[in-house]
Amino acid sequence: GLVQAGGSLRLSCAASGNIVSPNIMGWYRRAPGKQRELVATISSG
């Protein structure tokens, strides 16, 4: 969504289907005119 600088947001990602463990889930982002980049990852462990 839209937020002012200094504010907060919480993103959620729900996965459906058969997910094999171990696995790594995470977030990436792509800003206008830039390449996609890593934000954060977390493993099943």
ModelCIF file with pLDDT and N, C-alpha, C, O atoms, coordinates in Angstrom:
data_MODEL
#
_entry.id   MODEL 
#
_entity.id                         1 
_entity.type                       polymer 
_entity.pdbx_number_of_molecules   1 
#
_entity_poly.entity_id                      1 
_entity_poly.type                           'polypeptide(L)' 
_entity_poly.nstd_linkage                   no 
_entity_poly.nstd_monomer                   no 
_entity_poly.pdbx_seq_one_letter_code       GLVQAGGSLRLSCAASGNIVSPNIMGWYRRAPGKQRELVATISSG 
_entity_poly.pdbx_seq_one_letter_code_can   GLVQAGGSLRLSCAASGNIVSPNIMGWYRRAPGKQRELVATISSG 
_entity_poly.pdbx_strand_id                 A 
#
loop_
_entity_poly_seq.entity_id 
_entity_poly_seq.num 
_entity_poly_seq.mon_id 
_entity_poly_seq.hetero 
1 1  GLY n 
1 2  LEU n 
1 3  VAL n 
1 4  GLN n 
1 5  ALA n 
1 6  GLY n 
1 7  GLY n 
1 8  SER n 
1 9  LEU n 
1 10 ARG n 
1 11 LEU n 
1 12 SER n 
1 13 CYS n 
1 14 ALA n 
1 15 ALA n 
1 16 SER n 
1 17 GLY n 
1 18 ASN n 
1 19 ILE n 
1 20 VAL n 
1 21 SER n 
1 22 PRO n 
1 23 ASN n 
1 24 ILE n 
1 25 MET n 
1 26 GLY n 
1 27 TRP n 
1 28 TYR n 
1 29 ARG n 
1 30 ARG n 
1 31 ALA n 
1 32 PRO n 
1 33 GLY n 
1 34 LYS n 
1 35 GLN n 
1 36 ARG n 
1 37 GLU n 
1 38 LEU n 
1 39 VAL n 
1 40 ALA n 
1 41 THR n 
1 42 ILE n 
1 43 SER n 
1 44 SER n 
1 45 GLY n 
#
_struct_asym.id          A 
_struct_asym.entity_id   1 
#
loop_
_ma_qa_metric.id 
_ma_qa_metric.mode 
_ma_qa_metric.name 
_ma_qa_metric.software_group_id 
_ma_qa_metric.type 
1 global pLDDT . pLDDT 
2 local  pLDDT . pLDDT 
#
_ma_qa_metric_global.metric_id      1 
_ma_qa_metric_global.metric_value   95.42 
_ma_qa_metric_global.model_id       1 
_ma_qa_metric_global.ordinal_id     1 
#
loop_
_ma_qa_metric_local.label_asym_id 
_ma_qa_metric_local.label_comp_id 
_ma_qa_metric_local.label_seq_id 
_ma_qa_metric_local.metric_id 
_ma_qa_metric_local.metric_value 
_ma_qa_metric_local.model_id 
_ma_qa_metric_local.ordinal_id 
A GLY 1  2 97.00 1 1  
A LEU 2  2 98.00 1 2  
A VAL 3  2 98.00 1 3  
A GLN 4  2 98.00 1 4  
A ALA 5  2 98.00 1 5  
A GLY 6  2 98.00 1 6  
A GLY 7  2 98.00 1 7  
A SER 8  2 98.00 1 8  
A LEU 9  2 98.00 1 9  
A ARG 10 2 98.00 1 10 
A LEU 11 2 98.00 1 11 
A SER 12 2 98.00 1 12 
A CYS 13 2 97.00 1 13 
A ALA 14 2 96.00 1 14 
A ALA 15 2 94.00 1 15 
A SER 16 2 92.00 1 16 
A GLY 17 2 89.00 1 17 
A ASN 18 2 86.00 1 18 
A ILE 19 2 87.00 1 19 
A VAL 20 2 88.00 1 20 
A SER 21 2 86.00 1 21 
A PRO 22 2 89.00 1 22 
A ASN 23 2 93.00 1 23 
A ILE 24 2 96.00 1 24 
A MET 25 2 97.00 1 25 
A GLY 26 2 97.00 1 26 
A TRP 27 2 98.00 1 27 
A TYR 28 2 98.00 1 28 
A ARG 29 2 98.00 1 29 
A ARG 30 2 98.00 1 30 
A ALA 31 2 97.00 1 31 
A PRO 32 2 91.00 1 32 
A GLY 33 2 94.00 1 33 
A LYS 34 2 96.00 1 34 
A GLN 35 2 97.00 1 35 
A ARG 36 2 97.00 1 36 
A GLU 37 2 98.00 1 37 
A LEU 38 2 98.00 1 38 
A VAL 39 2 98.00 1 39 
A ALA 40 2 98.00 1 40 
A THR 41 2 98.00 1 41 
A ILE 42 2 98.00 1 42 
A SER 43 2 96.00 1 43 
A SER 44 2 92.00 1 44 
A GLY 45 2 92.00 1 45 
#
loop_
_atom_site.group_PDB 
_atom_site.id 
_atom_site.type_symbol 
_atom_site.label_atom_id 
_atom_site.label_alt_id 
_atom_site.label_comp_id 
_atom_site.label_asym_id 
_atom_site.label_entity_id 
_atom_site.label_seq_id 
_atom_site.pdbx_PDB_ins_code 
_atom_site.Cartn_x 
_atom_site.Cartn_y 
_atom_site.Cartn_z 
_atom_site.occupancy 
_atom_site.B_iso_or_equiv 
_atom_site.pdbx_formal_charge 
_atom_site.auth_seq_id 
_atom_site.auth_comp_id 
_atom_site.auth_asym_id 
_atom_site.auth_atom_id 
_atom_site.pdbx_PDB_model_num 
ATOM 1   N N  . GLY A 1 1  ? 0.811  -1.208  0.000   1.00 97.00 ? 1  GLY A N  1 
ATOM 2   C CA . GLY A 1 1  ? 0.000  0.000   0.000   1.00 97.00 ? 1  GLY A CA 1 
ATOM 3   C C  . GLY A 1 1  ? 0.835  1.244   0.000   1.00 97.00 ? 1  GLY A C  1 
ATOM 4   O O  . GLY A 1 1  ? 2.035  1.219   -0.272  1.00 97.00 ? 1  GLY A O  1 
ATOM 5   N N  . LEU A 1 2  ? 0.166  2.353   0.316   1.00 98.00 ? 2  LEU A N  1 
ATOM 6   C CA . LEU A 1 2  ? 0.809  3.662   0.350   1.00 98.00 ? 2  LEU A CA 1 
ATOM 7   C C  . LEU A 1 2  ? 0.977  4.089   1.801   1.00 98.00 ? 2  LEU A C  1 
ATOM 8   O O  . LEU A 1 2  ? 0.040  4.010   2.595   1.00 98.00 ? 2  LEU A O  1 
ATOM 9   N N  . VAL A 1 3  ? 2.178  4.542   2.138   1.00 98.00 ? 3  VAL A N  1 
ATOM 10  C CA . VAL A 1 3  ? 2.455  4.974   3.513   1.00 98.00 ? 3  VAL A CA 1 
ATOM 11  C C  . VAL A 1 3  ? 3.413  6.148   3.472   1.00 98.00 ? 3  VAL A C  1 
ATOM 12  O O  . VAL A 1 3  ? 4.207  6.273   2.540   1.00 98.00 ? 3  VAL A O  1 
ATOM 13  N N  . GLN A 1 4  ? 3.343  7.004   4.471   1.00 98.00 ? 4  GLN A N  1 
ATOM 14  C CA . GLN A 1 4  ? 4.279  8.122   4.559   1.00 98.00 ? 4  GLN A CA 1 
ATOM 15  C C  . GLN A 1 4  ? 5.614  7.656   5.099   1.00 98.00 ? 4  GLN A C  1 
ATOM 16  O O  . GLN A 1 4  ? 5.705  6.650   5.803   1.00 98.00 ? 4  GLN A O  1 
ATOM 17  N N  . ALA A 1 5  ? 6.635  8.396   4.762   1.00 98.00 ? 5  ALA A N  1 
ATOM 18  C CA . ALA A 1 5  ? 7.963  8.079   5.280   1.00 98.00 ? 5  ALA A CA 1 
ATOM 19  C C  . ALA A 1 5  ? 7.927  8.020   6.809   1.00 98.00 ? 5  ALA A C  1 
ATOM 20  O O  . ALA A 1 5  ? 7.308  8.854   7.470   1.00 98.00 ? 5  ALA A O  1 
ATOM 21  N N  . GLY A 1 6  ? 8.607  7.012   7.344   1.00 98.00 ? 6  GLY A N  1 
ATOM 22  C CA . GLY A 1 6  ? 8.609  6.788   8.779   1.00 98.00 ? 6  GLY A CA 1 
ATOM 23  C C  . GLY A 1 6  ? 7.534  5.833   9.248   1.00 98.00 ? 6  GLY A C  1 
ATOM 24  O O  . GLY A 1 6  ? 7.537  5.393   10.398  1.00 98.00 ? 6  GLY A O  1 
ATOM 25  N N  . GLY A 1 7  ? 6.615  5.514   8.355   1.00 98.00 ? 7  GLY A N  1 
ATOM 26  C CA . GLY A 1 7  ? 5.516  4.619   8.697   1.00 98.00 ? 7  GLY A CA 1 
ATOM 27  C C  . GLY A 1 7  ? 5.897  3.156   8.605   1.00 98.00 ? 7  GLY A C  1 
ATOM 28  O O  . GLY A 1 7  ? 7.055  2.806   8.376   1.00 98.00 ? 7  GLY A O  1 
ATOM 29  N N  . SER A 1 8  ? 4.887  2.305   8.792   1.00 98.00 ? 8  SER A N  1 
ATOM 30  C CA . SER A 1 8  ? 5.103  0.859   8.813   1.00 98.00 ? 8  SER A CA 1 
ATOM 31  C C  . SER A 1 8  ? 4.073  0.152   7.939   1.00 98.00 ? 8  SER A C  1 
ATOM 32  O O  . SER A 1 8  ? 2.952  0.623   7.749   1.00 98.00 ? 8  SER A O  1 
ATOM 33  N N  . LEU A 1 9  ? 4.489  -0.975  7.425   1.00 98.00 ? 9  LEU A N  1 
ATOM 34  C CA . LEU A 1 9  ? 3.607  -1.893  6.710   1.00 98.00 ? 9  LEU A CA 1 
ATOM 35  C C  . LEU A 1 9  ? 4.019  -3.308  7.035   1.00 98.00 ? 9  LEU A C  1 
ATOM 36  O O  . LEU A 1 9  ? 5.174  -3.573  7.367   1.00 98.00 ? 9  LEU A O  1 
ATOM 37  N N  . ARG A 1 10 ? 3.066  -4.216  6.939   1.00 98.00 ? 10 ARG A N  1 
ATOM 38  C CA . ARG A 1 10 ? 3.361  -5.636  7.136   1.00 98.00 ? 10 ARG A CA 1 
ATOM 39  C C  . ARG A 1 10 ? 2.886  -6.402  5.919   1.00 98.00 ? 10 ARG A C  1 
ATOM 40  O O  . ARG A 1 10 ? 1.704  -6.374  5.575   1.00 98.00 ? 10 ARG A O  1 
ATOM 41  N N  . LEU A 1 11 ? 3.817  -7.089  5.268   1.00 98.00 ? 11 LEU A N  1 
ATOM 42  C CA . LEU A 1 11 ? 3.500  -7.919  4.120   1.00 98.00 ? 11 LEU A CA 1 
ATOM 43  C C  . LEU A 1 11 ? 3.334  -9.359  4.572   1.00 98.00 ? 11 LEU A C  1 
ATOM 44  O O  . LEU A 1 11 ? 4.024  -9.829  5.477   1.00 98.00 ? 11 LEU A O  1 
ATOM 45  N N  . SER A 1 12 ? 2.403  -10.051 3.921   1.00 98.00 ? 12 SER A N  1 
ATOM 46  C CA . SER A 1 12 ? 2.210  -11.473 4.172   1.00 98.00 ? 12 SER A CA 1 
ATOM 47  C C  . SER A 1 12 ? 2.279  -12.224 2.859   1.00 98.00 ? 12 SER A C  1 
ATOM 48  O O  . SER A 1 12 ? 1.916  -11.694 1.808   1.00 98.00 ? 12 SER A O  1 
ATOM 49  N N  . CYS A 1 13 ? 2.741  -13.442 2.922   1.00 97.00 ? 13 CYS A N  1 
ATOM 50  C CA . CYS A 1 13 ? 2.796  -14.313 1.749   1.00 97.00 ? 13 CYS A CA 1 
ATOM 51  C C  . CYS A 1 13 ? 2.347  -15.703 2.173   1.00 97.00 ? 13 CYS A C  1 
ATOM 52  O O  . CYS A 1 13 ? 3.014  -16.378 2.958   1.00 97.00 ? 13 CYS A O  1 
ATOM 53  N N  . ALA A 1 14 ? 1.221  -16.110 1.646   1.00 96.00 ? 14 ALA A N  1 
ATOM 54  C CA . ALA A 1 14 ? 0.677  -17.428 1.952   1.00 96.00 ? 14 ALA A CA 1 
ATOM 55  C C  . ALA A 1 14 ? 1.011  -18.388 0.819   1.00 96.00 ? 14 ALA A C  1 
ATOM 56  O O  . ALA A 1 14 ? 0.727  -18.112 -0.346  1.00 96.00 ? 14 ALA A O  1 
ATOM 57  N N  . ALA A 1 15 ? 1.606  -19.495 1.164   1.00 94.00 ? 15 ALA A N  1 
ATOM 58  C CA . ALA A 1 15 ? 1.977  -20.498 0.176   1.00 94.00 ? 15 ALA A CA 1 
ATOM 59  C C  . ALA A 1 15 ? 1.008  -21.664 0.231   1.00 94.00 ? 15 ALA A C  1 
ATOM 60  O O  . ALA A 1 15 ? 0.696  -22.176 1.306   1.00 94.00 ? 15 ALA A O  1 
ATOM 61  N N  . SER A 1 16 ? 0.537  -22.078 -0.928  1.00 92.00 ? 16 SER A N  1 
ATOM 62  C CA . SER A 1 16 ? -0.337 -23.246 -1.006  1.00 92.00 ? 16 SER A CA 1 
ATOM 63  C C  . SER A 1 16 ? 0.315  -24.292 -1.888  1.00 92.00 ? 16 SER A C  1 
ATOM 64  O O  . SER A 1 16 ? 1.136  -23.976 -2.750  1.00 92.00 ? 16 SER A O  1 
ATOM 65  N N  . GLY A 1 17 ? -0.059 -25.541 -1.661  1.00 89.00 ? 17 GLY A N  1 
ATOM 66  C CA . GLY A 1 17 ? 0.551  -26.629 -2.405  1.00 89.00 ? 17 GLY A CA 1 
ATOM 67  C C  . GLY A 1 17 ? 1.522  -27.396 -1.541  1.00 89.00 ? 17 GLY A C  1 
ATOM 68  O O  . GLY A 1 17 ? 1.645  -27.132 -0.345  1.00 89.00 ? 17 GLY A O  1 
ATOM 69  N N  . ASN A 1 18 ? 2.210  -28.343 -2.141  1.00 86.00 ? 18 ASN A N  1 
ATOM 70  C CA . ASN A 1 18 ? 3.152  -29.190 -1.401  1.00 86.00 ? 18 ASN A CA 1 
ATOM 71  C C  . ASN A 1 18 ? 4.547  -28.575 -1.433  1.00 86.00 ? 18 ASN A C  1 
ATOM 72  O O  . ASN A 1 18 ? 5.241  -28.624 -2.449  1.00 86.00 ? 18 ASN A O  1 
ATOM 73  N N  . ILE A 1 19 ? 4.935  -28.006 -0.323  1.00 87.00 ? 19 ILE A N  1 
ATOM 74  C CA . ILE A 1 19 ? 6.248  -27.389 -0.204  1.00 87.00 ? 19 ILE A CA 1 
ATOM 75  C C  . ILE A 1 19 ? 7.210  -28.373 0.427   1.00 87.00 ? 19 ILE A C  1 
ATOM 76  O O  . ILE A 1 19 ? 6.964  -28.908 1.508   1.00 87.00 ? 19 ILE A O  1 
ATOM 77  N N  . VAL A 1 20 ? 8.296  -28.597 -0.260  1.00 88.00 ? 20 VAL A N  1 
ATOM 78  C CA . VAL A 1 20 ? 9.305  -29.540 0.213   1.00 88.00 ? 20 VAL A CA 1 
ATOM 79  C C  . VAL A 1 20 ? 10.213 -28.850 1.221   1.00 88.00 ? 20 VAL A C  1 
ATOM 80  O O  . VAL A 1 20 ? 10.592 -27.693 1.036   1.00 88.00 ? 20 VAL A O  1 
ATOM 81  N N  . SER A 1 21 ? 10.556 -29.557 2.276   1.00 86.00 ? 21 SER A N  1 
ATOM 82  C CA . SER A 1 21 ? 11.544 -29.061 3.227   1.00 86.00 ? 21 SER A CA 1 
ATOM 83  C C  . SER A 1 21 ? 12.842 -29.856 3.069   1.00 86.00 ? 21 SER A C  1 
ATOM 84  O O  . SER A 1 21 ? 12.805 -31.053 2.784   1.00 86.00 ? 21 SER A O  1 
ATOM 85  N N  . PRO A 1 22 ? 13.984 -29.199 3.250   1.00 89.00 ? 22 PRO A N  1 
ATOM 86  C CA . PRO A 1 22 ? 14.130 -27.796 3.651   1.00 89.00 ? 22 PRO A CA 1 
ATOM 87  C C  . PRO A 1 22 ? 13.827 -26.826 2.523   1.00 89.00 ? 22 PRO A C  1 
ATOM 88  O O  . PRO A 1 22 ? 13.897 -27.182 1.347   1.00 89.00 ? 22 PRO A O  1 
ATOM 89  N N  . ASN A 1 23 ? 13.496 -25.618 2.885   1.00 93.00 ? 23 ASN A N  1 
ATOM 90  C CA . ASN A 1 23 ? 13.212 -24.599 1.884   1.00 93.00 ? 23 ASN A CA 1 
ATOM 91  C C  . ASN A 1 23 ? 13.593 -23.233 2.444   1.00 93.00 ? 23 ASN A C  1 
ATOM 92  O O  . ASN A 1 23 ? 13.836 -23.072 3.640   1.00 93.00 ? 23 ASN A O  1 
ATOM 93  N N  . ILE A 1 24 ? 13.636 -22.289 1.572   1.00 96.00 ? 24 ILE A N  1 
ATOM 94  C CA . ILE A 1 24 ? 13.915 -20.905 1.959   1.00 96.00 ? 24 ILE A CA 1 
ATOM 95  C C  . ILE A 1 24 ? 12.808 -20.044 1.372   1.00 96.00 ? 24 ILE A C  1 
ATOM 96  O O  . ILE A 1 24 ? 12.530 -20.103 0.174   1.00 96.00 ? 24 ILE A O  1 
ATOM 97  N N  . MET A 1 25 ? 12.188 -19.255 2.215   1.00 97.00 ? 25 MET A N  1 
ATOM 98  C CA . MET A 1 25 ? 11.192 -18.292 1.748   1.00 97.00 ? 25 MET A CA 1 
ATOM 99  C C  . MET A 1 25 ? 11.723 -16.894 1.998   1.00 97.00 ? 25 MET A C  1 
ATOM 100 O O  . MET A 1 25 ? 12.503 -16.663 2.922   1.00 97.00 ? 25 MET A O  1 
ATOM 101 N N  . GLY A 1 26 ? 11.290 -15.975 1.165   1.00 97.00 ? 26 GLY A N  1 
ATOM 102 C CA . GLY A 1 26 ? 11.823 -14.634 1.343   1.00 97.00 ? 26 GLY A CA 1 
ATOM 103 C C  . GLY A 1 26 ? 11.120 -13.602 0.510   1.00 97.00 ? 26 GLY A C  1 
ATOM 104 O O  . GLY A 1 26 ? 10.135 -13.873 -0.178  1.00 97.00 ? 26 GLY A O  1 
ATOM 105 N N  . TRP A 1 27 ? 11.659 -12.412 0.594   1.00 98.00 ? 27 TRP A N  1 
ATOM 106 C CA . TRP A 1 27 ? 11.126 -11.256 -0.109  1.00 98.00 ? 27 TRP A CA 1 
ATOM 107 C C  . TRP A 1 27 ? 12.219 -10.608 -0.949  1.00 98.00 ? 27 TRP A C  1 
ATOM 108 O O  . TRP A 1 27 ? 13.361 -10.450 -0.517  1.00 98.00 ? 27 TRP A O  1 
ATOM 109 N N  . TYR A 1 28 ? 11.829 -10.245 -2.152  1.00 98.00 ? 28 TYR A N  1 
ATOM 110 C CA . TYR A 1 28 ? 12.675 -9.470  -3.048  1.00 98.00 ? 28 TYR A CA 1 
ATOM 111 C C  . TYR A 1 28 ? 11.880 -8.249  -3.474  1.00 98.00 ? 28 TYR A C  1 
ATOM 112 O O  . TYR A 1 28 ? 10.661 -8.203  -3.303  1.00 98.00 ? 28 TYR A O  1 
ATOM 113 N N  . ARG A 1 29 ? 12.563 -7.267  -4.026  1.00 98.00 ? 29 ARG A N  1 
ATOM 114 C CA . ARG A 1 29 ? 11.844 -6.089  -4.501  1.00 98.00 ? 29 ARG A CA 1 
ATOM 115 C C  . ARG A 1 29 ? 12.470 -5.560  -5.773  1.00 98.00 ? 29 ARG A C  1 
ATOM 116 O O  . ARG A 1 29 ? 13.655 -5.761  -6.038  1.00 98.00 ? 29 ARG A O  1 
ATOM 117 N N  . ARG A 1 30 ? 11.641 -4.874  -6.561  1.00 98.00 ? 30 ARG A N  1 
ATOM 118 C CA . ARG A 1 30 ? 12.114 -4.225  -7.770  1.00 98.00 ? 30 ARG A CA 1 
ATOM 119 C C  . ARG A 1 30 ? 11.589 -2.802  -7.786  1.00 98.00 ? 30 ARG A C  1 
ATOM 120 O O  . ARG A 1 30 ? 10.386 -2.565  -7.892  1.00 98.00 ? 30 ARG A O  1 
ATOM 121 N N  . ALA A 1 31 ? 12.510 -1.863  -7.678  1.00 97.00 ? 31 ALA A N  1 
ATOM 122 C CA . ALA A 1 31 ? 12.156 -0.453  -7.745  1.00 97.00 ? 31 ALA A CA 1 
ATOM 123 C C  . ALA A 1 31 ? 12.136 -0.014  -9.201  1.00 97.00 ? 31 ALA A C  1 
ATOM 124 O O  . ALA A 1 31 ? 12.772 -0.650  -10.042 1.00 97.00 ? 31 ALA A O  1 
ATOM 125 N N  . PRO A 1 32 ? 11.422 1.052   -9.515  1.00 91.00 ? 32 PRO A N  1 
ATOM 126 C CA . PRO A 1 32 ? 11.361 1.529   -10.900 1.00 91.00 ? 32 PRO A CA 1 
ATOM 127 C C  . PRO A 1 32 ? 12.749 1.781   -11.469 1.00 91.00 ? 32 PRO A C  1 
ATOM 128 O O  . PRO A 1 32 ? 13.556 2.493   -10.870 1.00 91.00 ? 32 PRO A O  1 
ATOM 129 N N  . GLY A 1 33 ? 13.022 1.192   -12.629 1.00 94.00 ? 33 GLY A N  1 
ATOM 130 C CA . GLY A 1 33 ? 14.300 1.399   -13.293 1.00 94.00 ? 33 GLY A CA 1 
ATOM 131 C C  . GLY A 1 33 ? 15.461 0.631   -12.714 1.00 94.00 ? 33 GLY A C  1 
ATOM 132 O O  . GLY A 1 33 ? 16.602 0.827   -13.131 1.00 94.00 ? 33 GLY A O  1 
ATOM 133 N N  . LYS A 1 34 ? 15.190 -0.247  -11.753 1.00 96.00 ? 34 LYS A N  1 
ATOM 134 C CA . LYS A 1 34 ? 16.269 -1.009  -11.116 1.00 96.00 ? 34 LYS A CA 1 
ATOM 135 C C  . LYS A 1 34 ? 16.018 -2.504  -11.239 1.00 96.00 ? 34 LYS A C  1 
ATOM 136 O O  . LYS A 1 34 ? 14.916 -2.947  -11.560 1.00 96.00 ? 34 LYS A O  1 
ATOM 137 N N  . GLN A 1 35 ? 17.064 -3.262  -10.976 1.00 97.00 ? 35 GLN A N  1 
ATOM 138 C CA . GLN A 1 35 ? 16.942 -4.708  -10.998 1.00 97.00 ? 35 GLN A CA 1 
ATOM 139 C C  . GLN A 1 35 ? 16.322 -5.205  -9.691  1.00 97.00 ? 35 GLN A C  1 
ATOM 140 O O  . GLN A 1 35 ? 16.357 -4.526  -8.665  1.00 97.00 ? 35 GLN A O  1 
ATOM 141 N N  . ARG A 1 36 ? 15.762 -6.394  -9.761  1.00 97.00 ? 36 ARG A N  1 
ATOM 142 C CA . ARG A 1 36 ? 15.203 -7.000  -8.557  1.00 97.00 ? 36 ARG A CA 1 
ATOM 143 C C  . ARG A 1 36 ? 16.335 -7.287  -7.573  1.00 97.00 ? 36 ARG A C  1 
ATOM 144 O O  . ARG A 1 36 ? 17.417 -7.718  -7.973  1.00 97.00 ? 36 ARG A O  1 
ATOM 145 N N  . GLU A 1 37 ? 16.087 -7.050  -6.305  1.00 98.00 ? 37 GLU A N  1 
ATOM 146 C CA . GLU A 1 37 ? 17.117 -7.261  -5.287  1.00 98.00 ? 37 GLU A CA 1 
ATOM 147 C C  . GLU A 1 37 ? 16.535 -7.987  -4.080  1.00 98.00 ? 37 GLU A C  1 
ATOM 148 O O  . GLU A 1 37 ? 15.337 -7.933  -3.805  1.00 98.00 ? 37 GLU A O  1 
ATOM 149 N N  . LEU A 1 38 ? 17.424 -8.660  -3.379  1.00 98.00 ? 38 LEU A N  1 
ATOM 150 C CA . LEU A 1 38 ? 17.054 -9.359  -2.155  1.00 98.00 ? 38 LEU A CA 1 
ATOM 151 C C  . LEU A 1 38 ? 16.678 -8.359  -1.071  1.00 98.00 ? 38 LEU A C  1 
ATOM 152 O O  . LEU A 1 38 ? 17.334 -7.331  -0.902  1.00 98.00 ? 38 LEU A O  1 
ATOM 153 N N  . VAL A 1 39 ? 15.606 -8.675  -0.336  1.00 98.00 ? 39 VAL A N  1 
ATOM 154 C CA . VAL A 1 39 ? 15.263 -7.904  0.857   1.00 98.00 ? 39 VAL A CA 1 
ATOM 155 C C  . VAL A 1 39 ? 15.596 -8.733  2.104   1.00 98.00 ? 39 VAL A C  1 
ATOM 156 O O  . VAL A 1 39 ? 16.367 -8.303  2.962   1.00 98.00 ? 39 VAL A O  1 
ATOM 157 N N  . ALA A 1 40 ? 15.004 -9.921  2.186   1.00 98.00 ? 40 ALA A N  1 
ATOM 158 C CA . ALA A 1 40 ? 15.247 -10.778 3.345   1.00 98.00 ? 40 ALA A CA 1 
ATOM 159 C C  . ALA A 1 40 ? 14.813 -12.194 3.022   1.00 98.00 ? 40 ALA A C  1 
ATOM 160 O O  . ALA A 1 40 ? 13.887 -12.404 2.238   1.00 98.00 ? 40 ALA A O  1 
ATOM 161 N N  . THR A 1 41 ? 15.484 -13.170 3.629   1.00 98.00 ? 41 THR A N  1 
ATOM 162 C CA . THR A 1 41 ? 15.091 -14.560 3.480   1.00 98.00 ? 41 THR A CA 1 
ATOM 163 C C  . THR A 1 41 ? 15.108 -15.242 4.836   1.00 98.00 ? 41 THR A C  1 
ATOM 164 O O  . THR A 1 41 ? 15.802 -14.816 5.759   1.00 98.00 ? 41 THR A O  1 
ATOM 165 N N  . ILE A 1 42 ? 14.329 -16.312 4.936   1.00 98.00 ? 42 ILE A N  1 
ATOM 166 C CA . ILE A 1 42 ? 14.293 -17.116 6.158   1.00 98.00 ? 42 ILE A CA 1 
ATOM 167 C C  . ILE A 1 42 ? 14.126 -18.563 5.747   1.00 98.00 ? 42 ILE A C  1 
ATOM 168 O O  . ILE A 1 42 ? 13.258 -18.893 4.939   1.00 98.00 ? 42 ILE A O  1 
ATOM 169 N N  . SER A 1 43 ? 14.963 -19.426 6.307   1.00 96.00 ? 43 SER A N  1 
ATOM 170 C CA . SER A 1 43 ? 14.898 -20.831 5.959   1.00 96.00 ? 43 SER A CA 1 
ATOM 171 C C  . SER A 1 43 ? 13.859 -21.540 6.812   1.00 96.00 ? 43 SER A C  1 
ATOM 172 O O  . SER A 1 43 ? 13.380 -20.992 7.805   1.00 96.00 ? 43 SER A O  1 
ATOM 173 N N  . SER A 1 44 ? 13.513 -22.764 6.419   1.00 92.00 ? 44 SER A N  1 
ATOM 174 C CA . SER A 1 44 ? 12.572 -23.552 7.206   1.00 92.00 ? 44 SER A CA 1 
ATOM 175 C C  . SER A 1 44 ? 13.157 -23.879 8.576   1.00 92.00 ? 44 SER A C  1 
ATOM 176 O O  . SER A 1 44 ? 12.421 -24.211 9.506   1.00 92.00 ? 44 SER A O  1 
ATOM 177 N N  . GLY A 1 45 ? 14.463 -23.787 8.698   1.00 92.00 ? 45 GLY A N  1 
ATOM 178 C CA . GLY A 1 45 ? 15.122 -23.999 9.984   1.00 92.00 ? 45 GLY A CA 1 
ATOM 179 C C  . GLY A 1 45 ? 15.282 -22.728 10.794  1.00 92.00 ? 45 GLY A C  1 
ATOM 180 O O  . GLY A 1 45 ? 15.821 -22.764 11.900  1.00 92.00 ? 45 GLY A O  1 
#
